[in-house]
Amino acid sequence: MSDRGGIFAGDDPFVIAQRWLTEAEATEPNDPNAIALSTVDSQGMPNVRMVLLKEIEENAFVFYTNYESAKAEEILGSSKAAFVLHWKSLRRQVRVRGHVLKEDGPQADAYYASRSLKSRLGAWASKQSRPLASRASLMAEVAKITATKGPNPPRPDFWGGFRILPVEIEFWADGAFRLHDRFVWRRTSVSGEWTVTRLNP
């Protein structure tokens, strides 16, 4: 008989993840949707960086970035990624591993349009992950883009979303004396059935 109750209760890991994120929005001082996103380059060397998770869908997690950035190039090379959401205030974390698909259609257009004008212009101006001569040169590029793209710039072709379709989701909560509670949801494919296993701390 499963002892998975309380904060771990539920039959859908995406619903649980959204519930935890909603709770964190009330307690975390900054960016409760910040994830540490991990990718691997063509040599097998791992990279990790913080990005903002923008949506938890029925079967996926979505974030947005420059497709010419290091993280995007690594994702496009492997079609895989992992991330962790960690909330100090709740003493909880969610770990995700899975396959990745591009989101560069109407949904990406809608999200881009919802950003502030300065952020939209910045997406055009930044050659993300590539060398930059100076802050002044970046600001000059922003000014140039502002003059040429106007008050309603379209989404750049090189900027959009990624949808992570997980095959593994782990929910972790801090326990007394480091006897933490951990439940991992696993499936053999992105459309498979989940199995849930309690893990040792």
C-alpha atoms as a PDB file:
ATOM      1  CA  MET A   1       0.000   0.000   0.000  1.00  0.00           C
ATOM      2  CA  SER A   2       1.415   3.385  -0.999  1.00  0.00           C
ATOM      3  CA  ASP A   3       2.176   5.972   1.673  1.00  0.00           C
ATOM      4  CA  ARG A   4       2.210   8.743  -0.912  1.00  0.00           C
ATOM      5  CA  GLY A   5      -0.087  11.340   0.595  1.00  0.00           C
ATOM      6  CA  GLY A   6      -0.050  14.942   1.777  1.00  0.00           C
ATOM      7  CA  ILE A   7       1.980  17.180  -0.517  1.00  0.00           C
ATOM      8  CA  PHE A   8       2.803  14.168  -2.751  1.00  0.00           C
ATOM      9  CA  ALA A   9      -0.813  13.135  -3.292  1.00  0.00           C
ATOM     10  CA  GLY A  10      -2.235  12.964  -6.785  1.00  0.00           C
ATOM     11  CA  ASP A  11      -2.477  10.859  -9.926  1.00  0.00           C
ATOM     12  CA  ASP A  12      -0.855  13.358 -12.314  1.00  0.00           C
ATOM     13  CA  PRO A  13       2.734  14.596 -11.814  1.00  0.00           C
ATOM     14  CA  PHE A  14       2.104  17.753 -13.848  1.00  0.00           C
ATOM     15  CA  VAL A  15      -0.758  18.707 -11.533  1.00  0.00           C
ATOM     16  CA  ILE A  16       1.472  18.083  -8.515  1.00  0.00           C
ATOM     17  CA  ALA A  17       4.267  20.185 -10.044  1.00  0.00           C
ATOM     18  CA  GLN A  18       1.855  23.039 -10.776  1.00  0.00           C
ATOM     19  CA  ARG A  19       0.473  22.860  -7.228  1.00  0.00           C
ATOM     20  CA  TRP A  20       3.963  23.063  -5.757  1.00  0.00           C
ATOM     21  CA  LEU A  21       4.861  25.977  -8.053  1.00  0.00           C
ATOM     22  CA  THR A  22       1.691  27.828  -7.048  1.00  0.00           C
ATOM     23  CA  GLU A  23       2.591  27.360  -3.378  1.00  0.00           C
ATOM     24  CA  ALA A  24       6.125  28.617  -4.074  1.00  0.00           C
ATOM     25  CA  GLU A  25       4.766  31.754  -5.761  1.00  0.00           C
ATOM     26  CA  ALA A  26       3.451  32.805  -2.342  1.00  0.00           C
ATOM     27  CA  THR A  27       6.694  32.144  -0.464  1.00  0.00           C
ATOM     28  CA  GLU A  28       9.715  32.607  -2.751  1.00  0.00           C
ATOM     29  CA  PRO A  29      11.090  36.176  -2.799  1.00  0.00           C
ATOM     30  CA  ASN A  30      12.289  36.022  -6.414  1.00  0.00           C
ATOM     31  CA  ASP A  31      11.478  33.980  -9.530  1.00  0.00           C
ATOM     32  CA  PRO A  32       9.776  30.881  -8.089  1.00  0.00           C
ATOM     33  CA  ASN A  33       9.721  29.531 -11.663  1.00  0.00           C
ATOM     34  CA  ALA A  34      13.528  29.625 -12.033  1.00  0.00           C
ATOM     35  CA  ILE A  35      14.949  26.283 -13.148  1.00  0.00           C
ATOM     36  CA  ALA A  36      18.533  25.061 -13.334  1.00  0.00           C
ATOM     37  CA  LEU A  37      18.562  23.694 -16.887  1.00  0.00           C
ATOM     38  CA  SER A  38      21.150  21.071 -17.777  1.00  0.00           C
ATOM     39  CA  THR A  39      22.320  20.140 -21.282  1.00  0.00           C
ATOM     40  CA  VAL A  40      25.310  18.321 -22.770  1.00  0.00           C
ATOM     41  CA  ASP A  41      27.533  19.556 -25.600  1.00  0.00           C
ATOM     42  CA  SER A  42      28.816  17.538 -28.558  1.00  0.00           C
ATOM     43  CA  GLN A  43      31.828  16.390 -26.509  1.00  0.00           C
ATOM     44  CA  GLY A  44      29.629  15.103 -23.683  1.00  0.00           C
ATOM     45  CA  MET A  45      30.572  18.010 -21.393  1.00  0.00           C
ATOM     46  CA  PRO A  46      27.592  19.128 -19.275  1.00  0.00           C
ATOM     47  CA  ASN A  47      26.368  22.702 -18.924  1.00  0.00           C
ATOM     48  CA  VAL A  48      23.872  24.156 -16.454  1.00  0.00           C
ATOM     49  CA  ARG A  49      22.267  27.602 -16.203  1.00  0.00           C
ATOM     50  CA  MET A  50      19.198  29.276 -14.727  1.00  0.00           C
ATOM     51  CA  VAL A  51      16.227  29.994 -16.995  1.00  0.00           C
ATOM     52  CA  LEU A  52      12.585  30.764 -16.317  1.00  0.00           C
ATOM     53  CA  LEU A  53       9.972  28.048 -16.730  1.00  0.00           C
ATOM     54  CA  LYS A  54       6.999  29.697 -18.409  1.00  0.00           C
ATOM     55  CA  GLU A  55       4.355  26.976 -18.610  1.00  0.00           C
ATOM     56  CA  ILE A  56       3.468  23.619 -17.119  1.00  0.00           C
ATOM     57  CA  GLU A  57       1.233  21.930 -19.677  1.00  0.00           C
ATOM     58  CA  GLU A  58      -0.720  18.680 -19.474  1.00  0.00           C
ATOM     59  CA  ASN A  59       2.294  16.693 -20.642  1.00  0.00           C
ATOM     60  CA  ALA A  60       5.260  19.079 -20.814  1.00  0.00           C
ATOM     61  CA  PHE A  61       7.293  21.952 -19.372  1.00  0.00           C
ATOM     62  CA  VAL A  62       7.951  25.015 -21.584  1.00  0.00           C
ATOM     63  CA  PHE A  63      10.623  27.714 -21.565  1.00  0.00           C
ATOM     64  CA  TYR A  64      11.840  30.246 -24.153  1.00  0.00           C
ATOM     65  CA  THR A  65      15.277  31.276 -25.393  1.00  0.00           C
ATOM     66  CA  ASN A  66      17.451  32.301 -28.323  1.00  0.00           C
ATOM     67  CA  TYR A  67      17.807  29.317 -30.668  1.00  0.00           C
ATOM     68  CA  GLU A  68      21.397  30.357 -31.416  1.00  0.00           C
ATOM     69  CA  SER A  69      22.421  30.242 -27.747  1.00  0.00           C
ATOM     70  CA  ALA A  70      24.695  27.535 -26.337  1.00  0.00           C
ATOM     71  CA  LYS A  71      21.823  25.853 -24.515  1.00  0.00           C
ATOM     72  CA  ALA A  72      19.662  25.772 -27.622  1.00  0.00           C
ATOM     73  CA  GLU A  73      22.457  24.383 -29.778  1.00  0.00           C
ATOM     74  CA  GLU A  74      23.075  21.650 -27.223  1.00  0.00           C
ATOM     75  CA  ILE A  75      19.377  20.821 -26.967  1.00  0.00           C
ATOM     76  CA  LEU A  76      19.013  20.708 -30.740  1.00  0.00           C
ATOM     77  CA  GLY A  77      22.042  18.429 -30.904  1.00  0.00           C
ATOM     78  CA  SER A  78      20.751  15.876 -28.410  1.00  0.00           C
ATOM     79  CA  SER A  79      16.984  16.529 -28.182  1.00  0.00           C
ATOM     80  CA  LYS A  80      17.317  15.944 -24.427  1.00  0.00           C
ATOM     81  CA  ALA A  81      17.536  18.091 -21.304  1.00  0.00           C
ATOM     82  CA  ALA A  82      17.086  17.999 -17.552  1.00  0.00           C
ATOM     83  CA  PHE A  83      16.224  20.602 -14.950  1.00  0.00           C
ATOM     84  CA  VAL A  84      15.577  21.118 -11.283  1.00  0.00           C
ATOM     85  CA  LEU A  85      13.175  23.514  -9.574  1.00  0.00           C
ATOM     86  CA  HIS A  86      14.379  24.254  -6.037  1.00  0.00           C
ATOM     87  CA  TRP A  87      12.455  26.271  -3.457  1.00  0.00           C
ATOM     88  CA  LYS A  88      14.366  27.147  -0.301  1.00  0.00           C
ATOM     89  CA  SER A  89      11.273  28.564   1.375  1.00  0.00           C
ATOM     90  CA  LEU A  90       9.350  25.281   0.970  1.00  0.00           C
ATOM     91  CA  ARG A  91      12.388  23.009   1.255  1.00  0.00           C
ATOM     92  CA  ARG A  92      11.246  21.152  -1.847  1.00  0.00           C
ATOM     93  CA  GLN A  93      12.527  20.404  -5.314  1.00  0.00           C
ATOM     94  CA  VAL A  94      11.301  18.893  -8.550  1.00  0.00           C
ATOM     95  CA  ARG A  95      13.749  17.140 -10.879  1.00  0.00           C
ATOM     96  CA  VAL A  96      12.842  16.481 -14.535  1.00  0.00           C
ATOM     97  CA  ARG A  97      14.564  14.591 -17.367  1.00  0.00           C
ATOM     98  CA  GLY A  98      13.177  14.171 -20.851  1.00  0.00           C
ATOM     99  CA  HIS A  99      13.042  14.726 -24.568  1.00  0.00           C
ATOM    100  CA  VAL A 100      12.766  18.206 -26.077  1.00  0.00           C
ATOM    101  CA  LEU A 101      10.790  19.628 -28.994  1.00  0.00           C
ATOM    102  CA  LYS A 102      10.851  23.143 -30.438  1.00  0.00           C
ATOM    103  CA  GLU A 103       7.884  25.430 -29.799  1.00  0.00           C
ATOM    104  CA  ASP A 104       8.166  28.006 -32.578  1.00  0.00           C
ATOM    105  CA  GLY A 105       4.574  28.429 -33.688  1.00  0.00           C
ATOM    106  CA  PRO A 106       1.617  30.548 -32.546  1.00  0.00           C
ATOM    107  CA  GLN A 107       2.239  29.744 -28.882  1.00  0.00           C
ATOM    108  CA  ALA A 108       5.746  31.190 -29.114  1.00  0.00           C
ATOM    109  CA  ASP A 109       4.369  34.235 -30.958  1.00  0.00           C
ATOM    110  CA  ALA A 110       1.817  34.790 -28.198  1.00  0.00           C
ATOM    111  CA  TYR A 111       4.371  34.523 -25.419  1.00  0.00           C
ATOM    112  CA  TYR A 112       6.794  36.846 -27.211  1.00  0.00           C
ATOM    113  CA  ALA A 113       4.008  39.416 -27.694  1.00  0.00           C
ATOM    114  CA  SER A 114       3.216  39.258 -23.952  1.00  0.00           C
ATOM    115  CA  ARG A 115       6.734  40.390 -22.986  1.00  0.00           C
ATOM    116  CA  SER A 116       7.598  44.010 -22.332  1.00  0.00           C
ATOM    117  CA  LEU A 117       8.678  46.019 -25.373  1.00  0.00           C
ATOM    118  CA  LYS A 118      12.219  46.358 -24.019  1.00  0.00           C
ATOM    119  CA  SER A 119      12.478  42.593 -23.566  1.00  0.00           C
ATOM    120  CA  ARG A 120      11.210  42.011 -27.112  1.00  0.00           C
ATOM    121  CA  LEU A 121      13.761  44.452 -28.500  1.00  0.00           C
ATOM    122  CA  GLY A 122      16.469  42.881 -26.346  1.00  0.00           C
ATOM    123  CA  ALA A 123      15.724  39.489 -27.860  1.00  0.00           C
ATOM    124  CA  TRP A 124      16.502  40.962 -31.273  1.00  0.00           C
ATOM    125  CA  ALA A 125      19.648  42.758 -30.092  1.00  0.00           C
ATOM    126  CA  SER A 126      21.364  39.998 -28.116  1.00  0.00           C
ATOM    127  CA  LYS A 127      23.544  37.482 -29.930  1.00  0.00           C
ATOM    128  CA  GLN A 128      23.186  35.215 -26.939  1.00  0.00           C
ATOM    129  CA  SER A 129      26.216  33.241 -25.710  1.00  0.00           C
ATOM    130  CA  ARG A 130      28.553  34.852 -28.260  1.00  0.00           C
ATOM    131  CA  PRO A 131      31.410  37.248 -27.390  1.00  0.00           C
ATOM    132  CA  LEU A 132      30.435  40.868 -26.658  1.00  0.00           C
ATOM    133  CA  ALA A 133      32.900  43.738 -27.055  1.00  0.00           C
ATOM    134  CA  SER A 134      31.309  45.916 -24.376  1.00  0.00           C
ATOM    135  CA  ARG A 135      28.068  46.856 -22.639  1.00  0.00           C
ATOM    136  CA  ALA A 136      28.053  50.021 -24.728  1.00  0.00           C
ATOM    137  CA  SER A 137      28.050  48.028 -27.973  1.00  0.00           C
ATOM    138  CA  LEU A 138      25.078  46.002 -26.741  1.00  0.00           C
ATOM    139  CA  MET A 139      23.134  49.155 -25.866  1.00  0.00           C
ATOM    140  CA  ALA A 140      24.000  50.620 -29.275  1.00  0.00           C
ATOM    141  CA  GLU A 141      22.528  47.509 -30.892  1.00  0.00           C
ATOM    142  CA  VAL A 142      19.375  47.875 -28.764  1.00  0.00           C
ATOM    143  CA  ALA A 143      19.054  51.501 -29.956  1.00  0.00           C
ATOM    144  CA  LYS A 144      19.506  50.411 -33.574  1.00  0.00           C
ATOM    145  CA  ILE A 145      16.875  47.670 -33.231  1.00  0.00           C
ATOM    146  CA  THR A 146      14.496  50.099 -31.531  1.00  0.00           C
ATOM    147  CA  ALA A 147      14.800  52.472 -34.487  1.00  0.00           C
ATOM    148  CA  THR A 148      14.357  49.769 -37.134  1.00  0.00           C
ATOM    149  CA  LYS A 149      11.785  47.444 -35.560  1.00  0.00           C
ATOM    150  CA  GLY A 150       9.461  50.017 -34.057  1.00  0.00           C
ATOM    151  CA  PRO A 151       6.968  49.648 -31.197  1.00  0.00           C
ATOM    152  CA  ASN A 152       5.631  46.229 -32.196  1.00  0.00           C
ATOM    153  CA  PRO A 153       8.553  44.034 -33.292  1.00  0.00           C
ATOM    154  CA  PRO A 154       7.707  40.542 -34.581  1.00  0.00           C
ATOM    155  CA  ARG A 155       9.200  37.494 -32.896  1.00  0.00           C
ATOM    156  CA  PRO A 156      12.660  36.793 -34.343  1.00  0.00           C
ATOM    157  CA  ASP A 157      13.027  33.530 -36.259  1.00  0.00           C
ATOM    158  CA  PHE A 158      15.978  32.734 -33.992  1.00  0.00           C
ATOM    159  CA  TRP A 159      13.964  33.061 -30.769  1.00  0.00           C
ATOM    160  CA  GLY A 160      11.262  30.763 -29.422  1.00  0.00           C
ATOM    161  CA  GLY A 161      10.366  27.997 -27.050  1.00  0.00           C
ATOM    162  CA  PHE A 162      11.327  24.490 -26.082  1.00  0.00           C
ATOM    163  CA  ARG A 163       8.926  21.914 -24.727  1.00  0.00           C
ATOM    164  CA  ILE A 164      10.413  19.293 -22.401  1.00  0.00           C
ATOM    165  CA  LEU A 165       8.467  16.026 -22.504  1.00  0.00           C
ATOM    166  CA  PRO A 166       9.612  14.147 -19.414  1.00  0.00           C
ATOM    167  CA  VAL A 167      10.275  10.465 -18.940  1.00  0.00           C
ATOM    168  CA  GLU A 168      11.206  11.057 -15.303  1.00  0.00           C
ATOM    169  CA  ILE A 169       9.931  13.489 -12.668  1.00  0.00           C
ATOM    170  CA  GLU A 170      11.124  13.345  -9.075  1.00  0.00           C
ATOM    171  CA  PHE A 171       9.457  15.165  -6.186  1.00  0.00           C
ATOM    172  CA  TRP A 172      11.672  15.772  -3.148  1.00  0.00           C
ATOM    173  CA  ALA A 173      10.767  17.267   0.237  1.00  0.00           C
ATOM    174  CA  ASP A 174      13.084  17.959   3.141  1.00  0.00           C
ATOM    175  CA  GLY A 175      12.833  15.605   6.088  1.00  0.00           C
ATOM    176  CA  ALA A 176      14.092  15.751   9.663  1.00  0.00           C
ATOM    177  CA  PHE A 177      17.631  14.430  10.191  1.00  0.00           C
ATOM    178  CA  ARG A 178      18.095  14.385   6.387  1.00  0.00           C
ATOM    179  CA  LEU A 179      15.547  11.580   6.072  1.00  0.00           C
ATOM    180  CA  HIS A 180      13.978  13.257   3.055  1.00  0.00           C
ATOM    181  CA  ASP A 181      10.877  12.101   1.198  1.00  0.00           C
ATOM    182  CA  ARG A 182      11.424  11.290  -2.491  1.00  0.00           C
ATOM    183  CA  PHE A 183       9.005   9.919  -5.060  1.00  0.00           C
ATOM    184  CA  VAL A 184      10.046   9.391  -8.669  1.00  0.00           C
ATOM    185  CA  TRP A 185       7.595   9.051 -11.554  1.00  0.00           C
ATOM    186  CA  ARG A 186       9.029   7.139 -14.535  1.00  0.00           C
ATOM    187  CA  ARG A 187       7.778   6.067 -17.953  1.00  0.00           C
ATOM    188  CA  THR A 188       9.521   4.374 -20.868  1.00  0.00           C
ATOM    189  CA  SER A 189       8.306   6.912 -23.451  1.00  0.00           C
ATOM    190  CA  VAL A 190       6.744  10.384 -23.480  1.00  0.00           C
ATOM    191  CA  SER A 191       3.322   8.796 -24.055  1.00  0.00           C
ATOM    192  CA  GLY A 192       3.760   5.831 -21.710  1.00  0.00           C
ATOM    193  CA  GLU A 193       2.148   5.028 -18.386  1.00  0.00           C
ATOM    194  CA  TRP A 194       3.756   6.321 -15.207  1.00  0.00           C
ATOM    195  CA  THR A 195       5.097   4.147 -12.426  1.00  0.00           C
ATOM    196  CA  VAL A 196       5.780   5.759  -9.039  1.00  0.00           C
ATOM    197  CA  THR A 197       8.533   4.621  -6.684  1.00  0.00           C
ATOM    198  CA  ARG A 198       9.557   5.896  -3.280  1.00  0.00           C
ATOM    199  CA  LEU A 199      13.336   6.400  -3.086  1.00  0.00           C
ATOM    200  CA  ASN A 200      15.682   6.331  -0.139  1.00  0.00           C
ATOM    201  CA  PRO A 201      16.830   9.813   0.939  1.00  0.00           C
END
